[in-house]
């Protein structure tokens, strides 16, 4: 059985891609969050359909910890980049002074490892 949240994932990805062209705010700014949330939901539903087991359905705590670990993991890279200045974000501002920018990036970073492990499960 294909889980309904997989359909939601498809819709989120389609919405994000259409809005990538339309650039309607606040969705354009939230593109990363929307498309990766859709991806995680879709892939988990596919994994569940194939294996009858998935991170969201059967290992909720593991999935939650992956989100937390992912945010911490990627902030380590961001902090290491401060003195190195190996990369920057176009159109960004000094994140050290912007609480909501830090919060937004934390949410964005939190999707990296869950997406990786969902793909691995597939």
N, C-alpha and C. Protein backbone atom coordinates (compact mmCIF):
# COMPACT_ATOMS: atom_id res chain seq x y z
N UNK A 1 0.84 -1.19 0.00
CA UNK A 1 0.00 0.00 0.00
C UNK A 1 0.88 1.24 0.00
N UNK A 2 0.60 2.16 -0.90
CA UNK A 2 1.33 3.42 -0.98
C UNK A 2 0.72 4.39 0.03
N UNK A 3 1.52 4.87 0.94
CA UNK A 3 1.04 5.75 2.01
C UNK A 3 0.62 7.11 1.45
N UNK A 4 -0.40 7.69 2.07
CA UNK A 4 -0.93 8.97 1.61
C UNK A 4 0.09 10.10 1.72
N UNK A 5 0.98 10.00 2.70
CA UNK A 5 1.98 11.05 2.83
C UNK A 5 2.95 11.04 1.64
N UNK A 6 3.02 9.93 0.91
CA UNK A 6 3.82 9.89 -0.32
C UNK A 6 3.19 10.76 -1.40
N UNK A 7 1.86 10.73 -1.47
CA UNK A 7 1.15 11.60 -2.42
C UNK A 7 1.37 13.06 -2.03
N UNK A 8 1.32 13.35 -0.73
CA UNK A 8 1.62 14.70 -0.25
C UNK A 8 3.04 15.09 -0.67
N UNK A 9 3.98 14.15 -0.58
CA UNK A 9 5.35 14.41 -1.01
C UNK A 9 5.43 14.79 -2.48
N UNK A 10 4.72 14.05 -3.31
CA UNK A 10 4.68 14.36 -4.75
C UNK A 10 4.12 15.76 -4.97
N UNK A 11 3.02 16.07 -4.28
CA UNK A 11 2.40 17.39 -4.44
C UNK A 11 3.33 18.51 -3.97
N UNK A 12 4.03 18.29 -2.88
CA UNK A 12 4.97 19.30 -2.39
C UNK A 12 6.10 19.54 -3.39
N UNK A 13 6.63 18.46 -3.96
CA UNK A 13 7.70 18.60 -4.95
C UNK A 13 7.19 19.34 -6.19
N UNK A 14 6.03 18.97 -6.67
CA UNK A 14 5.45 19.65 -7.85
C UNK A 14 5.20 21.12 -7.55
N UNK A 15 4.63 21.39 -6.37
CA UNK A 15 4.38 22.77 -5.98
C UNK A 15 5.68 23.57 -5.93
N UNK A 16 6.71 22.99 -5.32
CA UNK A 16 7.99 23.68 -5.21
C UNK A 16 8.60 23.95 -6.58
N UNK A 17 8.48 22.99 -7.48
CA UNK A 17 9.07 23.16 -8.81
C UNK A 17 8.32 24.21 -9.62
N UNK A 18 7.00 24.20 -9.55
CA UNK A 18 6.22 25.23 -10.26
C UNK A 18 6.53 26.60 -9.65
N UNK A 19 6.58 26.65 -8.34
CA UNK A 19 6.85 27.93 -7.70
C UNK A 19 8.30 28.39 -7.90
N UNK A 20 9.18 27.46 -8.24
CA UNK A 20 10.55 27.83 -8.56
C UNK A 20 10.56 28.79 -9.76
N UNK A 21 9.63 28.58 -10.66
CA UNK A 21 9.49 29.46 -11.82
C UNK A 21 8.70 30.72 -11.49
N UNK A 22 7.64 30.58 -10.67
CA UNK A 22 6.75 31.71 -10.36
C UNK A 22 7.33 32.64 -9.30
N UNK A 23 8.13 32.10 -8.41
CA UNK A 23 8.78 32.86 -7.34
C UNK A 23 7.79 33.61 -6.44
N UNK A 24 6.75 32.92 -6.01
CA UNK A 24 5.76 33.49 -5.09
C UNK A 24 6.29 33.32 -3.67
N UNK A 25 6.38 34.43 -2.96
CA UNK A 25 6.87 34.39 -1.57
C UNK A 25 5.71 34.10 -0.64
N UNK A 26 5.95 33.47 0.48
CA UNK A 26 7.22 33.07 1.08
C UNK A 26 7.69 31.70 0.58
N UNK A 27 6.99 31.12 -0.37
CA UNK A 27 7.32 29.78 -0.83
C UNK A 27 8.63 29.73 -1.60
N UNK A 28 8.96 30.79 -2.32
CA UNK A 28 10.22 30.81 -3.07
C UNK A 28 11.40 30.76 -2.12
N UNK A 29 11.32 31.50 -1.04
CA UNK A 29 12.38 31.48 -0.03
C UNK A 29 12.45 30.11 0.65
N UNK A 30 11.31 29.47 0.82
CA UNK A 30 11.25 28.18 1.47
C UNK A 30 11.38 26.99 0.54
N UNK A 31 11.86 27.23 -0.68
CA UNK A 31 11.97 26.17 -1.69
C UNK A 31 12.68 24.93 -1.14
N UNK A 32 13.84 25.13 -0.54
CA UNK A 32 14.65 24.01 -0.06
C UNK A 32 13.86 23.15 0.90
N UNK A 33 13.20 23.78 1.86
CA UNK A 33 12.41 23.06 2.86
C UNK A 33 11.27 22.28 2.20
N UNK A 34 10.54 22.93 1.32
CA UNK A 34 9.37 22.32 0.69
C UNK A 34 9.77 21.12 -0.17
N UNK A 35 10.77 21.28 -1.01
CA UNK A 35 11.14 20.21 -1.93
C UNK A 35 11.77 19.04 -1.17
N UNK A 36 12.57 19.30 -0.14
CA UNK A 36 13.18 18.20 0.59
C UNK A 36 12.21 17.50 1.53
N UNK A 37 11.26 18.23 2.07
CA UNK A 37 10.20 17.57 2.84
C UNK A 37 9.41 16.65 1.92
N UNK A 38 9.07 17.14 0.75
CA UNK A 38 8.37 16.31 -0.23
C UNK A 38 9.18 15.08 -0.60
N UNK A 39 10.47 15.25 -0.79
CA UNK A 39 11.34 14.14 -1.15
C UNK A 39 11.36 13.08 -0.05
N UNK A 40 11.55 13.50 1.20
CA UNK A 40 11.60 12.56 2.31
C UNK A 40 10.29 11.79 2.43
N UNK A 41 9.16 12.50 2.31
CA UNK A 41 7.86 11.84 2.40
C UNK A 41 7.65 10.85 1.25
N UNK A 42 7.99 11.27 0.04
CA UNK A 42 7.81 10.42 -1.12
C UNK A 42 8.67 9.16 -1.05
N UNK A 43 9.94 9.33 -0.76
CA UNK A 43 10.84 8.17 -0.73
C UNK A 43 10.47 7.22 0.40
N UNK A 44 10.08 7.77 1.56
CA UNK A 44 9.67 6.90 2.65
C UNK A 44 8.45 6.08 2.25
N UNK A 45 7.50 6.69 1.55
CA UNK A 45 6.31 5.96 1.10
C UNK A 45 6.69 4.87 0.09
N UNK A 46 7.65 5.16 -0.78
CA UNK A 46 8.11 4.15 -1.74
C UNK A 46 8.79 3.00 -1.00
N UNK A 47 9.65 3.34 -0.05
CA UNK A 47 10.33 2.31 0.74
C UNK A 47 9.31 1.44 1.46
N UNK A 48 8.30 2.07 2.05
CA UNK A 48 7.27 1.30 2.76
C UNK A 48 6.53 0.37 1.81
N UNK A 49 6.21 0.88 0.62
CA UNK A 49 5.50 0.04 -0.36
C UNK A 49 6.33 -1.17 -0.76
N UNK A 50 7.62 -0.98 -0.93
CA UNK A 50 8.49 -2.07 -1.37
C UNK A 50 8.81 -3.03 -0.24
N UNK A 51 9.16 -2.49 0.94
CA UNK A 51 9.69 -3.32 2.02
C UNK A 51 8.71 -3.57 3.17
N UNK A 52 7.60 -2.85 3.17
CA UNK A 52 6.64 -2.93 4.29
C UNK A 52 7.28 -2.48 5.61
N UNK A 53 8.28 -1.65 5.49
CA UNK A 53 9.02 -1.12 6.64
C UNK A 53 9.66 0.19 6.18
N UNK A 54 9.58 1.24 7.01
CA UNK A 54 10.22 2.50 6.66
C UNK A 54 10.55 3.28 7.92
N UNK A 55 11.38 4.27 7.76
CA UNK A 55 11.78 5.09 8.91
C UNK A 55 10.59 5.84 9.52
N UNK A 56 9.78 6.45 8.70
CA UNK A 56 8.64 7.22 9.23
C UNK A 56 7.61 6.30 9.88
N UNK A 57 7.32 5.19 9.25
CA UNK A 57 6.27 4.31 9.77
C UNK A 57 6.73 3.49 10.96
N UNK A 58 7.98 3.03 10.97
CA UNK A 58 8.41 2.07 11.98
C UNK A 58 9.52 2.56 12.91
N UNK A 59 10.20 3.61 12.55
CA UNK A 59 11.32 4.08 13.37
C UNK A 59 11.25 5.60 13.55
N UNK A 60 10.13 6.05 14.10
CA UNK A 60 9.89 7.50 14.24
C UNK A 60 10.98 8.19 15.07
N UNK A 61 11.41 7.56 16.15
CA UNK A 61 12.44 8.18 17.00
C UNK A 61 13.77 8.26 16.26
N UNK A 62 14.10 7.23 15.51
CA UNK A 62 15.32 7.25 14.72
C UNK A 62 15.26 8.38 13.70
N UNK A 63 14.11 8.53 13.06
CA UNK A 63 13.93 9.60 12.07
C UNK A 63 14.06 10.97 12.73
N UNK A 64 13.45 11.14 13.88
CA UNK A 64 13.55 12.41 14.60
C UNK A 64 14.99 12.73 14.94
N UNK A 65 15.72 11.73 15.42
CA UNK A 65 17.13 11.93 15.75
C UNK A 65 17.97 12.22 14.51
N UNK A 66 17.59 11.67 13.38
CA UNK A 66 18.31 12.00 12.14
C UNK A 66 18.16 13.48 11.80
N UNK A 67 16.97 14.04 12.02
CA UNK A 67 16.76 15.47 11.78
C UNK A 67 17.65 16.30 12.70
N UNK A 68 17.69 15.95 13.97
CA UNK A 68 18.50 16.68 14.95
C UNK A 68 19.98 16.54 14.61
N UNK A 69 20.42 15.31 14.40
CA UNK A 69 21.82 15.05 14.09
C UNK A 69 22.24 15.77 12.80
N UNK A 70 21.37 15.78 11.83
CA UNK A 70 21.67 16.44 10.57
C UNK A 70 21.90 17.93 10.77
N UNK A 71 21.05 18.57 11.54
CA UNK A 71 21.22 20.01 11.80
C UNK A 71 22.55 20.27 12.49
N UNK A 72 22.86 19.50 13.52
CA UNK A 72 24.13 19.67 14.24
C UNK A 72 25.30 19.41 13.30
N UNK A 73 25.23 18.33 12.55
CA UNK A 73 26.29 17.95 11.63
C UNK A 73 26.60 19.07 10.65
N UNK A 74 25.57 19.66 10.05
CA UNK A 74 25.80 20.69 9.04
C UNK A 74 26.18 22.02 9.65
N UNK A 75 25.75 22.30 10.87
CA UNK A 75 26.21 23.53 11.52
C UNK A 75 27.70 23.45 11.83
N UNK A 76 28.22 22.27 12.09
CA UNK A 76 29.66 22.11 12.30
C UNK A 76 30.40 22.57 11.04
N UNK A 77 29.91 22.18 9.87
CA UNK A 77 30.53 22.63 8.62
C UNK A 77 30.40 24.14 8.45
N UNK A 78 29.25 24.68 8.79
CA UNK A 78 29.05 26.13 8.66
C UNK A 78 30.00 26.90 9.58
N UNK A 79 30.14 26.42 10.80
CA UNK A 79 31.04 27.09 11.76
C UNK A 79 32.49 26.96 11.30
N UNK A 80 32.86 25.79 10.80
CA UNK A 80 34.22 25.60 10.29
C UNK A 80 34.48 26.51 9.09
N UNK A 81 33.45 26.87 8.36
CA UNK A 81 33.61 27.72 7.18
C UNK A 81 33.82 29.19 7.54
N UNK A 82 33.51 29.60 8.75
CA UNK A 82 33.65 31.02 9.12
C UNK A 82 35.08 31.51 8.90
N UNK A 83 36.10 30.85 9.47
CA UNK A 83 37.45 31.36 9.21
C UNK A 83 37.98 31.00 7.81
N UNK A 84 37.50 29.89 7.26
CA UNK A 84 38.00 29.41 5.97
C UNK A 84 37.40 30.20 4.81
N UNK A 85 36.13 30.54 4.93
CA UNK A 85 35.38 31.25 3.88
C UNK A 85 35.45 30.52 2.55
N UNK A 86 35.22 29.22 2.63
CA UNK A 86 35.28 28.37 1.44
C UNK A 86 34.02 28.51 0.58
N UNK A 87 32.89 28.88 1.18
CA UNK A 87 31.65 29.08 0.43
C UNK A 87 30.82 30.18 1.10
N UNK A 88 29.92 30.73 0.33
CA UNK A 88 28.96 31.70 0.86
C UNK A 88 27.64 31.51 0.14
N UNK A 89 26.63 32.18 0.62
CA UNK A 89 25.29 32.05 0.05
C UNK A 89 24.93 33.35 -0.65
N UNK A 90 24.56 33.26 -1.91
CA UNK A 90 24.18 34.46 -2.64
C UNK A 90 22.94 35.08 -2.02
N UNK A 91 22.95 36.39 -1.93
CA UNK A 91 21.80 37.09 -1.39
C UNK A 91 21.64 36.95 0.11
N UNK A 92 22.65 36.39 0.78
CA UNK A 92 22.53 36.20 2.21
C UNK A 92 23.16 37.37 2.95
N UNK A 93 22.97 37.37 4.21
CA UNK A 93 23.47 38.43 5.07
C UNK A 93 24.20 37.78 6.23
N UNK A 94 24.74 38.58 7.09
CA UNK A 94 25.51 38.06 8.23
C UNK A 94 24.60 37.25 9.12
N UNK A 95 24.74 35.92 9.08
CA UNK A 95 23.84 35.06 9.84
C UNK A 95 24.07 35.15 11.34
N UNK A 96 25.21 35.65 11.76
CA UNK A 96 25.50 35.70 13.19
C UNK A 96 24.54 36.65 13.90
N UNK A 97 23.94 37.58 13.20
CA UNK A 97 23.06 38.56 13.82
C UNK A 97 21.58 38.33 13.52
N UNK A 98 21.27 37.29 12.79
CA UNK A 98 19.90 37.07 12.33
C UNK A 98 19.32 35.78 12.90
N UNK A 99 18.55 35.89 13.96
CA UNK A 99 17.97 34.71 14.61
C UNK A 99 17.14 33.88 13.64
N UNK A 100 16.28 34.53 12.86
CA UNK A 100 15.41 33.78 11.97
C UNK A 100 16.18 33.14 10.81
N UNK A 101 17.26 33.76 10.39
CA UNK A 101 18.11 33.15 9.36
C UNK A 101 18.76 31.89 9.91
N UNK A 102 19.21 31.94 11.15
CA UNK A 102 19.81 30.76 11.79
C UNK A 102 18.76 29.67 11.96
N UNK A 103 17.58 30.04 12.40
CA UNK A 103 16.50 29.07 12.58
C UNK A 103 16.12 28.43 11.24
N UNK A 104 15.99 29.25 10.21
CA UNK A 104 15.62 28.75 8.89
C UNK A 104 16.69 27.77 8.37
N UNK A 105 17.95 28.15 8.49
CA UNK A 105 19.02 27.26 8.02
C UNK A 105 19.09 25.99 8.83
N UNK A 106 18.80 26.07 10.11
CA UNK A 106 18.78 24.87 10.94
C UNK A 106 17.73 23.90 10.44
N UNK A 107 16.56 24.42 10.11
CA UNK A 107 15.50 23.57 9.56
C UNK A 107 15.94 22.99 8.22
N UNK A 108 16.53 23.81 7.37
CA UNK A 108 17.00 23.33 6.07
C UNK A 108 18.05 22.24 6.24
N UNK A 109 19.04 22.48 7.10
CA UNK A 109 20.12 21.52 7.31
C UNK A 109 19.58 20.21 7.88
N UNK A 110 18.49 20.29 8.61
CA UNK A 110 17.97 19.09 9.27
C UNK A 110 17.45 18.05 8.28
N UNK A 111 17.24 18.40 7.04
CA UNK A 111 16.69 17.47 6.06
C UNK A 111 17.75 16.67 5.32
N UNK A 112 19.01 17.04 5.46
CA UNK A 112 20.06 16.41 4.66
C UNK A 112 20.23 14.92 5.00
N UNK A 113 20.48 14.60 6.26
CA UNK A 113 20.69 13.20 6.63
C UNK A 113 19.42 12.35 6.50
N UNK A 114 18.24 12.85 6.90
CA UNK A 114 17.04 12.04 6.65
C UNK A 114 16.85 11.71 5.17
N UNK A 115 17.10 12.68 4.29
CA UNK A 115 16.97 12.42 2.85
C UNK A 115 18.01 11.38 2.41
N UNK A 116 19.22 11.49 2.92
CA UNK A 116 20.27 10.54 2.58
C UNK A 116 19.88 9.13 3.02
N UNK A 117 19.45 8.98 4.28
CA UNK A 117 19.12 7.65 4.78
C UNK A 117 17.84 7.08 4.15
N UNK A 118 16.90 7.93 3.81
CA UNK A 118 15.72 7.45 3.10
C UNK A 118 16.12 6.89 1.74
N UNK A 119 17.02 7.60 1.07
CA UNK A 119 17.49 7.14 -0.25
C UNK A 119 18.25 5.83 -0.10
N UNK A 120 19.04 5.72 0.94
CA UNK A 120 19.80 4.48 1.20
C UNK A 120 18.84 3.31 1.42
N UNK A 121 17.75 3.54 2.12
CA UNK A 121 16.76 2.48 2.40
C UNK A 121 16.11 1.98 1.13
N UNK A 122 15.95 2.87 0.16
CA UNK A 122 15.28 2.53 -1.09
C UNK A 122 16.04 1.46 -1.81
